[in-house]
Amino acid sequence: MAVQSAKLALAGLFMLVAAANSTVAADPLVTGLWQKIDEPTSKSVGWFLFTESEGIYQGMIAKLFLRPGDPPNQTCAACKDDRKDQPLLGIPLIRNMKASGLYYEGGNILDPRDGNIYNAMMTLSPDGQTLTVRGYLGIALFGRDETWYRLPETNYKDLDPIIIARYLPGLTTTASIKHKQNQNQNTAKSSTLAR
């Protein structure tokens, strides 16, 4: 009788653990389109597209909102690395970020105004709608945060075709872009579960 009760208790515990594991949702991913807002004016400064390849995330300038007097077709004349003289539209701004749950670290961020490259870390909100980007020198304490906001998939239609061709090849409609994002999230969920 005691052995049967122990087996029943063990079976119940196993079912409880299995149920708990199946209800745990995977963390949202940074991949997708983000917007930086100028706080004083509440106007968009730029859009940034994050992609993932082999567990490494990078963010490119996906759309520029020029101010009056800004020259069109700006380049990163001050850049000191392989991005020197590249057009700002499409330039990799954030590179080499690695995810650890909602945190991304180990990468760097470019300031295209002066070409300086800073260490970077990012924190994604649990709902996946807000991204805190921090650039810093040395230690993270000596840095600056920016808050970026996720844009809906419908905004992909407003991207320059060059961005779509370079970073989202084969995605020409909102439906196919959404399908690709779902595939990326499912792949990430599978690899998270495999760990």
Protein backbone atom coordinates (compact mmCIF):
# COMPACT_ATOMS: atom_id res chain seq x y z
CA MET A 1 0.00 0.00 0.00
CA ALA A 2 2.83 2.40 0.87
CA VAL A 3 4.61 1.62 -2.43
CA GLN A 4 1.43 2.29 -4.39
CA SER A 5 0.91 5.61 -2.54
CA ALA A 6 4.53 6.60 -3.24
CA LYS A 7 4.10 5.78 -6.95
CA LEU A 8 0.89 7.79 -7.08
CA ALA A 9 2.56 10.75 -5.36
CA LEU A 10 5.54 10.54 -7.72
CA ALA A 11 3.22 10.40 -10.75
CA GLY A 12 1.34 13.44 -9.45
CA LEU A 13 4.60 15.33 -8.91
CA PHE A 14 5.74 14.43 -12.44
CA MET A 15 2.47 15.73 -13.92
CA LEU A 16 2.74 18.94 -11.89
CA VAL A 17 6.30 19.59 -13.14
CA ALA A 18 5.31 18.78 -16.74
CA ALA A 19 2.33 21.15 -16.54
CA ALA A 20 4.48 23.92 -15.08
CA ASN A 21 7.08 23.53 -17.83
CA SER A 22 4.47 23.62 -20.59
CA THR A 23 2.98 26.89 -19.32
CA VAL A 24 6.33 28.72 -19.11
CA ALA A 25 6.46 31.07 -22.09
CA ALA A 26 9.71 31.79 -23.87
CA ASP A 27 11.10 35.28 -23.47
CA PRO A 28 10.28 37.70 -26.28
CA LEU A 29 13.08 38.43 -28.75
CA VAL A 30 14.60 41.74 -29.79
CA THR A 31 14.30 40.86 -33.49
CA GLY A 32 12.05 43.25 -35.34
CA LEU A 33 11.55 46.94 -35.90
CA TRP A 34 12.12 49.58 -33.21
CA GLN A 35 11.67 53.33 -32.97
CA LYS A 36 13.64 55.93 -31.04
CA ILE A 37 11.62 59.00 -30.06
CA ASP A 38 13.09 62.43 -29.33
CA GLU A 39 11.66 63.12 -25.87
CA PRO A 40 11.36 66.94 -26.12
CA THR A 41 9.56 66.90 -29.48
CA SER A 42 7.92 63.44 -29.30
CA LYS A 43 9.02 62.92 -32.92
CA SER A 44 10.67 59.83 -34.29
CA VAL A 45 14.45 60.11 -34.65
CA GLY A 46 14.93 56.80 -36.42
CA TRP A 47 13.83 53.22 -36.88
CA PHE A 48 16.12 50.29 -36.17
CA LEU A 49 15.84 46.75 -37.45
CA PHE A 50 17.23 43.92 -35.31
CA THR A 51 18.13 40.62 -36.89
CA GLU A 52 19.67 37.42 -35.53
CA SER A 53 22.21 35.09 -37.09
CA GLU A 54 23.68 32.10 -35.24
CA GLY A 55 22.71 33.56 -31.85
CA ILE A 56 24.24 36.99 -32.53
CA TYR A 57 21.96 40.03 -32.78
CA GLN A 58 22.62 43.24 -34.64
CA GLY A 59 20.60 46.40 -35.16
CA MET A 60 20.70 48.50 -38.31
CA ILE A 61 19.39 51.97 -39.04
CA ALA A 62 16.25 51.11 -40.99
CA LYS A 63 14.75 54.55 -41.51
CA LEU A 64 16.01 58.08 -40.96
CA PHE A 65 13.87 61.08 -40.12
CA LEU A 66 15.90 64.04 -41.32
CA ARG A 67 15.61 67.42 -39.67
CA PRO A 68 15.30 70.55 -41.79
CA GLY A 69 18.72 71.31 -43.22
CA ASP A 70 20.06 67.75 -42.83
CA PRO A 71 21.68 66.53 -46.03
CA PRO A 72 20.02 63.54 -47.69
CA ASN A 73 22.08 60.38 -48.24
CA GLN A 74 24.26 60.90 -45.16
CA THR A 75 27.30 58.68 -44.67
CA CYS A 76 29.39 57.76 -41.66
CA ALA A 77 32.37 59.91 -42.61
CA ALA A 78 33.68 59.86 -39.03
CA CYS A 79 33.59 56.05 -38.69
CA LYS A 80 36.97 54.43 -38.11
CA ASP A 81 36.15 50.79 -38.95
CA ASP A 82 34.57 48.92 -41.86
CA ARG A 83 31.55 51.27 -41.69
CA LYS A 84 33.60 54.30 -42.79
CA ASP A 85 31.78 56.24 -45.52
CA GLN A 86 28.86 53.77 -45.57
CA PRO A 87 25.39 55.30 -45.95
CA LEU A 88 23.69 55.77 -42.57
CA LEU A 89 20.58 54.10 -43.93
CA GLY A 90 21.25 50.41 -43.39
CA ILE A 91 24.45 50.80 -41.38
CA PRO A 92 24.89 48.27 -38.55
CA LEU A 93 24.58 50.50 -35.48
CA ILE A 94 24.58 47.74 -32.85
CA ARG A 95 26.69 44.62 -33.29
CA ASN A 96 27.55 41.31 -31.62
CA MET A 97 24.84 41.23 -28.97
CA LYS A 98 24.18 37.89 -27.27
CA ALA A 99 20.89 37.12 -25.55
CA SER A 100 20.51 35.91 -22.00
CA GLY A 101 16.77 35.92 -21.41
CA LEU A 102 15.60 39.52 -21.65
CA TYR A 103 19.18 40.85 -21.48
CA TYR A 104 21.54 41.34 -24.40
CA GLU A 105 25.21 42.03 -23.83
CA GLY A 106 28.73 41.58 -25.14
CA GLY A 107 28.19 43.86 -28.13
CA ASN A 108 28.85 47.43 -29.10
CA ILE A 109 27.07 50.49 -30.41
CA LEU A 110 28.28 53.06 -32.92
CA ASP A 111 27.73 56.79 -32.54
CA PRO A 112 27.59 57.74 -36.24
CA ARG A 113 27.99 61.44 -35.42
CA ASP A 114 31.59 61.04 -34.29
CA GLY A 115 32.45 57.44 -35.23
CA ASN A 116 33.05 56.38 -31.63
CA ILE A 117 32.18 52.81 -30.67
CA TYR A 118 30.94 52.05 -27.17
CA ASN A 119 30.26 48.86 -25.24
CA ALA A 120 26.55 48.10 -25.25
CA MET A 121 23.92 46.24 -23.32
CA MET A 122 20.18 46.07 -23.85
CA THR A 123 17.21 45.10 -21.73
CA LEU A 124 13.94 44.01 -23.30
CA SER A 125 10.75 44.52 -21.30
CA PRO A 126 8.87 41.31 -20.38
CA ASP A 127 6.06 42.23 -22.79
CA GLY A 128 8.63 42.74 -25.59
CA GLN A 129 7.46 46.29 -26.37
CA THR A 130 10.21 48.43 -24.84
CA LEU A 131 13.97 48.17 -25.29
CA THR A 132 16.45 49.97 -23.07
CA VAL A 133 19.73 50.46 -24.94
CA ARG A 134 22.82 51.43 -22.93
CA GLY A 135 26.11 52.54 -24.41
CA TYR A 136 29.09 52.90 -22.10
CA LEU A 137 32.86 53.17 -21.78
CA GLY A 138 34.61 50.76 -19.43
CA ILE A 139 31.90 49.80 -16.97
CA ALA A 140 28.14 50.04 -17.49
CA LEU A 141 27.81 52.47 -14.58
CA PHE A 142 29.37 55.16 -16.78
CA GLY A 143 26.90 55.10 -19.62
CA ARG A 144 23.68 56.46 -21.00
CA ASP A 145 20.31 54.78 -21.55
CA GLU A 146 17.93 55.28 -24.43
CA THR A 147 14.45 53.80 -24.61
CA TRP A 148 13.23 52.43 -27.92
CA TYR A 149 9.71 51.24 -28.71
CA ARG A 150 8.68 48.26 -30.82
CA LEU A 151 6.83 49.08 -34.02
CA PRO A 152 4.03 46.88 -35.38
CA GLU A 153 4.68 44.62 -38.37
CA THR A 154 2.56 46.92 -40.52
CA ASN A 155 5.44 49.44 -40.46
CA TYR A 156 7.67 47.13 -42.52
CA LYS A 157 5.85 48.38 -45.60
CA ASP A 158 7.35 51.83 -44.95
CA LEU A 159 10.96 50.61 -45.08
CA ASP A 160 13.24 51.45 -47.97
CA PRO A 161 13.46 48.54 -50.43
CA ILE A 162 17.24 48.52 -49.89
CA ILE A 163 16.71 47.57 -46.23
CA ILE A 164 14.26 44.81 -47.16
CA ALA A 165 16.62 43.42 -49.81
CA ARG A 166 19.72 43.54 -47.61
CA TYR A 167 18.36 42.39 -44.24
CA LEU A 168 15.04 40.71 -45.00
CA PRO A 169 15.61 39.01 -48.38
CA GLY A 170 12.57 37.35 -49.85
CA LEU A 171 10.20 39.29 -47.62
CA THR A 172 8.16 41.61 -49.73
CA THR A 173 4.82 41.61 -47.94
CA THR A 174 3.75 42.19 -44.38
CA ALA A 175 2.32 38.66 -44.23
CA SER A 176 5.61 37.05 -45.27
CA ILE A 177 7.56 39.26 -42.84
CA LYS A 178 5.25 38.22 -40.01
CA HIS A 179 5.66 34.57 -41.02
CA LYS A 180 9.47 34.95 -40.92
CA GLN A 181 9.34 36.59 -37.46
CA ASN A 182 7.16 33.75 -36.17
CA GLN A 183 9.66 31.25 -37.58
CA ASN A 184 12.52 33.06 -35.83
CA GLN A 185 10.63 33.10 -32.53
CA ASN A 186 9.75 29.40 -32.83
CA THR A 187 13.40 28.58 -33.58
CA ALA A 188 14.52 30.62 -30.59
CA LYS A 189 11.92 28.92 -28.37
CA SER A 190 13.10 25.52 -29.54
CA SER A 191 16.75 26.32 -28.88
CA THR A 192 15.85 27.76 -25.44
CA LEU A 193 13.96 24.57 -24.57
CA ALA A 194 16.85 22.45 -25.79
CA ARG A 195 19.20 24.13 -23.31
